[in-house]
Amino acid sequence: MKKILLLIGIVLVLASPFSVYSDDVSEKINSLEITISNLTIRIDALEKRLAAIEKMLIKSPSGGQRSEAKEPAKELRVEPKPKEIAPLGPEDFISISGGFLLWSVNYKASLGDTIFSGEIENQSIKSYKTVIFNIKVFDEKGTVLGGHDFYVQELDRGAKVPFEVTIFGVNMKSIARYEIKFDRGF
């Protein structure tokens, strides 16, 4: 009986370093899953953009050859933004769930997509290696036009870091409001 208890004790002592190692492996696997998810979103967006470019080429009167080089620039022209989603000034912030603040959020058009940028401040009680947020954009009727998850890395307690996220396939002119929420962090 003593030999069995001694053998179990030895196995537990030898196995304990592997359980610490498995936590590291688990964190790396989670990080890889997030990266793969983001890459998948980007690939889908590139496919949408390519399809939109192909449609523009098919519709062009010169049989696929653009004779006017300035035509795409018309789409990039930025018109005044509605008051609901006007960019925040340097002293303005939005408090979102999880103890995070959004600072100086702006957005701009980019070839039929919309790019949001700004800063996220961690006012929670934790420091995070990776924090996942979700952004959604809505039209005037409240219909979701698009959105997806994005992440920020190395967000220590009290730190403020920049972010940039692209909403693919959504024209800036059709956006009436946006929503950014904390999803999870580790």
C-alpha atoms as a PDB file:
ATOM      1  CA  MET A   1       0.000   0.000   0.000  1.00  0.00           C
ATOM      2  CA  LYS A   2       2.835   2.384   0.850  1.00  0.00           C
ATOM      3  CA  LYS A   3       4.485   1.593  -2.474  1.00  0.00           C
ATOM      4  CA  ILE A   4       1.303   2.551  -4.361  1.00  0.00           C
ATOM      5  CA  LEU A   5       0.945   5.824  -2.463  1.00  0.00           C
ATOM      6  CA  LEU A   6       4.621   6.593  -3.083  1.00  0.00           C
ATOM      7  CA  LEU A   7       4.194   5.828  -6.794  1.00  0.00           C
ATOM      8  CA  ILE A   8       1.111   8.109  -6.998  1.00  0.00           C
ATOM      9  CA  GLY A   9       3.045  10.879  -5.224  1.00  0.00           C
ATOM     10  CA  ILE A  10       5.950  10.589  -7.653  1.00  0.00           C
ATOM     11  CA  VAL A  11       3.576  10.702 -10.651  1.00  0.00           C
ATOM     12  CA  LEU A  12       1.867  13.823  -9.291  1.00  0.00           C
ATOM     13  CA  VAL A  13       5.183  15.578  -8.673  1.00  0.00           C
ATOM     14  CA  LEU A  14       6.443  14.705 -12.152  1.00  0.00           C
ATOM     15  CA  ALA A  15       3.158  15.719 -13.831  1.00  0.00           C
ATOM     16  CA  SER A  16       2.902  19.160 -12.184  1.00  0.00           C
ATOM     17  CA  PRO A  17       5.411  20.915 -14.530  1.00  0.00           C
ATOM     18  CA  PHE A  18       3.421  19.613 -17.500  1.00  0.00           C
ATOM     19  CA  SER A  19       0.197  21.197 -16.191  1.00  0.00           C
ATOM     20  CA  VAL A  20       1.918  24.616 -16.089  1.00  0.00           C
ATOM     21  CA  TYR A  21       3.156  23.987 -19.613  1.00  0.00           C
ATOM     22  CA  SER A  22      -0.372  23.038 -20.724  1.00  0.00           C
ATOM     23  CA  ASP A  23      -1.650  26.448 -19.550  1.00  0.00           C
ATOM     24  CA  ASP A  24       0.927  28.149 -21.802  1.00  0.00           C
ATOM     25  CA  VAL A  25      -0.069  25.902 -24.685  1.00  0.00           C
ATOM     26  CA  SER A  26      -3.731  26.673 -24.068  1.00  0.00           C
ATOM     27  CA  GLU A  27      -3.053  30.423 -24.171  1.00  0.00           C
ATOM     28  CA  LYS A  28      -1.095  30.058 -27.399  1.00  0.00           C
ATOM     29  CA  ILE A  29      -3.874  27.996 -28.967  1.00  0.00           C
ATOM     30  CA  ASN A  30      -6.428  30.669 -28.001  1.00  0.00           C
ATOM     31  CA  SER A  31      -4.204  33.349 -29.495  1.00  0.00           C
ATOM     32  CA  LEU A  32      -3.828  31.351 -32.716  1.00  0.00           C
ATOM     33  CA  GLU A  33      -7.617  30.868 -32.918  1.00  0.00           C
ATOM     34  CA  ILE A  34      -8.105  34.642 -32.688  1.00  0.00           C
ATOM     35  CA  THR A  35      -5.469  35.258 -35.344  1.00  0.00           C
ATOM     36  CA  ILE A  36      -6.994  32.684 -37.691  1.00  0.00           C
ATOM     37  CA  SER A  37     -10.451  34.181 -37.139  1.00  0.00           C
ATOM     38  CA  ASN A  38      -9.169  37.666 -37.988  1.00  0.00           C
ATOM     39  CA  LEU A  39      -7.376  36.382 -41.083  1.00  0.00           C
ATOM     40  CA  THR A  40     -10.565  34.655 -42.223  1.00  0.00           C
ATOM     41  CA  ILE A  41     -12.482  37.911 -41.847  1.00  0.00           C
ATOM     42  CA  ARG A  42      -9.830  39.746 -43.854  1.00  0.00           C
ATOM     43  CA  ILE A  43      -9.891  37.128 -46.622  1.00  0.00           C
ATOM     44  CA  ASP A  44     -13.691  37.396 -46.846  1.00  0.00           C
ATOM     45  CA  ALA A  45     -13.408  41.171 -47.029  1.00  0.00           C
ATOM     46  CA  LEU A  46     -10.796  40.972 -49.780  1.00  0.00           C
ATOM     47  CA  GLU A  47     -13.101  38.684 -51.747  1.00  0.00           C
ATOM     48  CA  LYS A  48     -15.925  41.235 -51.377  1.00  0.00           C
ATOM     49  CA  ARG A  49     -13.652  44.069 -52.470  1.00  0.00           C
ATOM     50  CA  LEU A  50     -12.434  42.080 -55.470  1.00  0.00           C
ATOM     51  CA  ALA A  51     -16.026  41.325 -56.479  1.00  0.00           C
ATOM     52  CA  ALA A  52     -16.887  45.034 -56.196  1.00  0.00           C
ATOM     53  CA  ILE A  53     -13.897  45.976 -58.362  1.00  0.00           C
ATOM     54  CA  GLU A  54     -14.894  43.369 -60.935  1.00  0.00           C
ATOM     55  CA  LYS A  55     -18.428  44.813 -61.029  1.00  0.00           C
ATOM     56  CA  MET A  56     -16.991  48.309 -61.571  1.00  0.00           C
ATOM     57  CA  LEU A  57     -14.866  47.027 -64.454  1.00  0.00           C
ATOM     58  CA  ILE A  58     -17.820  45.253 -66.062  1.00  0.00           C
ATOM     59  CA  LYS A  59     -19.989  48.385 -65.792  1.00  0.00           C
ATOM     60  CA  SER A  60     -17.331  50.713 -67.230  1.00  0.00           C
ATOM     61  CA  PRO A  61     -18.260  51.943 -70.745  1.00  0.00           C
ATOM     62  CA  SER A  62     -14.765  51.335 -72.141  1.00  0.00           C
ATOM     63  CA  GLY A  63     -15.106  47.545 -71.951  1.00  0.00           C
ATOM     64  CA  GLY A  64     -13.213  47.001 -68.740  1.00  0.00           C
ATOM     65  CA  GLN A  65     -10.623  49.733 -69.285  1.00  0.00           C
ATOM     66  CA  ARG A  66     -11.002  52.795 -67.093  1.00  0.00           C
ATOM     67  CA  SER A  67     -10.463  55.901 -69.148  1.00  0.00           C
ATOM     68  CA  GLU A  68     -10.926  58.270 -66.230  1.00  0.00           C
ATOM     69  CA  ALA A  69      -8.301  57.937 -63.514  1.00  0.00           C
ATOM     70  CA  LYS A  70     -10.119  60.278 -61.140  1.00  0.00           C
ATOM     71  CA  GLU A  71     -13.412  58.352 -61.000  1.00  0.00           C
ATOM     72  CA  PRO A  72     -12.465  56.227 -57.950  1.00  0.00           C
ATOM     73  CA  ALA A  73     -11.488  59.406 -56.087  1.00  0.00           C
ATOM     74  CA  LYS A  74     -15.157  60.482 -56.088  1.00  0.00           C
ATOM     75  CA  GLU A  75     -15.973  57.614 -53.785  1.00  0.00           C
ATOM     76  CA  LEU A  76     -13.209  58.635 -51.382  1.00  0.00           C
ATOM     77  CA  ARG A  77     -14.530  62.176 -50.954  1.00  0.00           C
ATOM     78  CA  VAL A  78     -15.596  62.630 -47.348  1.00  0.00           C
ATOM     79  CA  GLU A  79     -18.855  64.433 -46.713  1.00  0.00           C
ATOM     80  CA  PRO A  80     -19.826  65.934 -43.348  1.00  0.00           C
ATOM     81  CA  LYS A  81     -20.737  63.223 -40.881  1.00  0.00           C
ATOM     82  CA  PRO A  82     -24.110  63.034 -39.132  1.00  0.00           C
ATOM     83  CA  LYS A  83     -24.132  64.479 -35.627  1.00  0.00           C
ATOM     84  CA  GLU A  84     -24.777  61.096 -33.994  1.00  0.00           C
ATOM     85  CA  ILE A  85     -21.388  59.774 -35.074  1.00  0.00           C
ATOM     86  CA  ALA A  86     -19.279  62.885 -35.435  1.00  0.00           C
ATOM     87  CA  PRO A  87     -15.663  62.232 -34.502  1.00  0.00           C
ATOM     88  CA  LEU A  88     -14.808  62.715 -30.881  1.00  0.00           C
ATOM     89  CA  GLY A  89     -12.499  65.533 -29.894  1.00  0.00           C
ATOM     90  CA  PRO A  90      -9.382  64.992 -27.806  1.00  0.00           C
ATOM     91  CA  GLU A  91     -11.304  65.601 -24.557  1.00  0.00           C
ATOM     92  CA  ASP A  92     -14.318  63.451 -25.507  1.00  0.00           C
ATOM     93  CA  PHE A  93     -14.683  59.796 -24.635  1.00  0.00           C
ATOM     94  CA  ILE A  94     -17.303  57.050 -24.647  1.00  0.00           C
ATOM     95  CA  SER A  95     -17.532  54.591 -21.777  1.00  0.00           C
ATOM     96  CA  ILE A  96     -18.125  51.048 -23.010  1.00  0.00           C
ATOM     97  CA  SER A  97     -18.667  47.825 -21.113  1.00  0.00           C
ATOM     98  CA  GLY A  98     -15.906  46.062 -19.187  1.00  0.00           C
ATOM     99  CA  GLY A  99     -14.314  49.227 -17.801  1.00  0.00           C
ATOM    100  CA  PHE A 100     -12.979  50.530 -21.127  1.00  0.00           C
ATOM    101  CA  LEU A 101     -13.121  54.030 -22.611  1.00  0.00           C
ATOM    102  CA  LEU A 102     -13.039  55.006 -26.293  1.00  0.00           C
ATOM    103  CA  TRP A 103     -11.137  58.191 -27.121  1.00  0.00           C
ATOM    104  CA  SER A 104     -11.035  60.263 -30.321  1.00  0.00           C
ATOM    105  CA  VAL A 105     -12.982  57.821 -32.496  1.00  0.00           C
ATOM    106  CA  ASN A 106     -12.901  58.772 -36.185  1.00  0.00           C
ATOM    107  CA  TYR A 107     -13.856  57.000 -39.361  1.00  0.00           C
ATOM    108  CA  LYS A 108     -13.124  57.413 -43.053  1.00  0.00           C
ATOM    109  CA  ALA A 109     -14.093  55.876 -46.378  1.00  0.00           C
ATOM    110  CA  SER A 110     -11.745  53.534 -48.211  1.00  0.00           C
ATOM    111  CA  LEU A 111     -12.892  51.995 -51.518  1.00  0.00           C
ATOM    112  CA  GLY A 112     -16.397  51.138 -50.342  1.00  0.00           C
ATOM    113  CA  ASP A 113     -15.247  50.147 -46.856  1.00  0.00           C
ATOM    114  CA  THR A 114     -15.169  52.205 -43.659  1.00  0.00           C
ATOM    115  CA  ILE A 115     -12.127  52.436 -41.390  1.00  0.00           C
ATOM    116  CA  PHE A 116     -12.654  53.311 -37.716  1.00  0.00           C
ATOM    117  CA  SER A 117      -9.735  54.473 -35.589  1.00  0.00           C
ATOM    118  CA  GLY A 118      -9.164  55.914 -32.147  1.00  0.00           C
ATOM    119  CA  GLU A 119      -7.814  54.909 -28.774  1.00  0.00           C
ATOM    120  CA  ILE A 120      -9.035  52.451 -26.146  1.00  0.00           C
ATOM    121  CA  GLU A 121      -8.227  53.056 -22.486  1.00  0.00           C
ATOM    122  CA  ASN A 122      -8.275  50.255 -19.917  1.00  0.00           C
ATOM    123  CA  GLN A 123      -9.985  51.530 -16.746  1.00  0.00           C
ATOM    124  CA  SER A 124     -10.790  48.016 -15.538  1.00  0.00           C
ATOM    125  CA  ILE A 125      -9.099  46.357 -12.566  1.00  0.00           C
ATOM    126  CA  LYS A 126      -7.085  43.959 -14.783  1.00  0.00           C
ATOM    127  CA  SER A 127      -4.215  44.097 -17.249  1.00  0.00           C
ATOM    128  CA  TYR A 128      -4.741  42.076 -20.433  1.00  0.00           C
ATOM    129  CA  LYS A 129      -2.468  40.412 -22.976  1.00  0.00           C
ATOM    130  CA  THR A 130      -5.316  40.364 -25.516  1.00  0.00           C
ATOM    131  CA  VAL A 131      -8.715  42.069 -25.412  1.00  0.00           C
ATOM    132  CA  ILE A 132     -11.435  41.311 -27.953  1.00  0.00           C
ATOM    133  CA  PHE A 133     -13.990  43.977 -28.865  1.00  0.00           C
ATOM    134  CA  ASN A 134     -16.968  43.863 -31.211  1.00  0.00           C
ATOM    135  CA  ILE A 135     -17.945  46.695 -33.533  1.00  0.00           C
ATOM    136  CA  LYS A 136     -21.311  47.007 -35.297  1.00  0.00           C
ATOM    137  CA  VAL A 137     -22.503  49.752 -37.622  1.00  0.00           C
ATOM    138  CA  PHE A 138     -26.156  50.653 -38.171  1.00  0.00           C
ATOM    139  CA  ASP A 139     -28.184  52.595 -40.729  1.00  0.00           C
ATOM    140  CA  GLU A 140     -30.814  55.221 -39.874  1.00  0.00           C
ATOM    141  CA  LYS A 141     -33.480  52.519 -39.339  1.00  0.00           C
ATOM    142  CA  GLY A 142     -31.284  50.654 -36.846  1.00  0.00           C
ATOM    143  CA  THR A 143     -30.486  47.799 -39.215  1.00  0.00           C
ATOM    144  CA  VAL A 144     -27.045  46.262 -38.742  1.00  0.00           C
ATOM    145  CA  LEU A 145     -24.979  47.017 -41.844  1.00  0.00           C
ATOM    146  CA  GLY A 146     -21.897  45.119 -40.771  1.00  0.00           C
ATOM    147  CA  GLY A 147     -19.398  44.476 -38.057  1.00  0.00           C
ATOM    148  CA  HIS A 148     -17.001  41.995 -36.604  1.00  0.00           C
ATOM    149  CA  ASP A 149     -14.606  41.324 -33.752  1.00  0.00           C
ATOM    150  CA  PHE A 150     -11.231  42.990 -33.450  1.00  0.00           C
ATOM    151  CA  TYR A 151      -8.555  42.740 -30.817  1.00  0.00           C
ATOM    152  CA  VAL A 152      -6.018  44.893 -29.018  1.00  0.00           C
ATOM    153  CA  GLN A 153      -2.912  43.391 -27.445  1.00  0.00           C
ATOM    154  CA  GLU A 154      -0.926  44.324 -24.330  1.00  0.00           C
ATOM    155  CA  LEU A 155      -3.550  46.530 -22.704  1.00  0.00           C
ATOM    156  CA  ASP A 156      -2.316  47.150 -19.167  1.00  0.00           C
ATOM    157  CA  ARG A 157      -4.499  48.648 -16.460  1.00  0.00           C
ATOM    158  CA  GLY A 158      -4.688  52.436 -17.000  1.00  0.00           C
ATOM    159  CA  ALA A 159      -3.049  52.232 -20.453  1.00  0.00           C
ATOM    160  CA  LYS A 160      -4.403  53.872 -23.600  1.00  0.00           C
ATOM    161  CA  VAL A 161      -3.605  52.224 -26.959  1.00  0.00           C
ATOM    162  CA  PRO A 162      -4.571  53.041 -30.553  1.00  0.00           C
ATOM    163  CA  PHE A 163      -6.902  50.846 -32.586  1.00  0.00           C
ATOM    164  CA  GLU A 164      -7.960  50.646 -36.201  1.00  0.00           C
ATOM    165  CA  VAL A 165     -10.663  48.396 -37.601  1.00  0.00           C
ATOM    166  CA  THR A 166     -12.129  48.156 -41.089  1.00  0.00           C
ATOM    167  CA  ILE A 167     -15.786  47.397 -41.713  1.00  0.00           C
ATOM    168  CA  PHE A 168     -15.588  45.738 -45.095  1.00  0.00           C
ATOM    169  CA  GLY A 169     -18.279  46.272 -47.709  1.00  0.00           C
ATOM    170  CA  VAL A 170     -20.043  49.076 -45.811  1.00  0.00           C
ATOM    171  CA  ASN A 171     -19.990  52.538 -47.353  1.00  0.00           C
ATOM    172  CA  MET A 172     -19.405  55.324 -44.834  1.00  0.00           C
ATOM    173  CA  LYS A 173     -22.346  57.342 -46.181  1.00  0.00           C
ATOM    174  CA  SER A 174     -24.861  54.689 -45.125  1.00  0.00           C
ATOM    175  CA  ILE A 175     -23.701  54.579 -41.469  1.00  0.00           C
ATOM    176  CA  ALA A 176     -25.936  56.426 -38.989  1.00  0.00           C
ATOM    177  CA  ARG A 177     -24.331  55.117 -35.780  1.00  0.00           C
ATOM    178  CA  TYR A 178     -21.824  52.602 -34.464  1.00  0.00           C
ATOM    179  CA  GLU A 179     -21.421  50.487 -31.353  1.00  0.00           C
ATOM    180  CA  ILE A 180     -18.196  49.105 -29.887  1.00  0.00           C
ATOM    181  CA  LYS A 181     -18.433  46.634 -26.997  1.00  0.00           C
ATOM    182  CA  PHE A 182     -15.995  44.668 -24.867  1.00  0.00           C
ATOM    183  CA  ASP A 183     -16.298  40.943 -25.623  1.00  0.00           C
ATOM    184  CA  ARG A 184     -13.616  39.201 -23.563  1.00  0.00           C
ATOM    185  CA  GLY A 185     -10.018  39.469 -22.512  1.00  0.00           C
ATOM    186  CA  PHE A 186      -7.204  37.302 -21.243  1.00  0.00           C
END
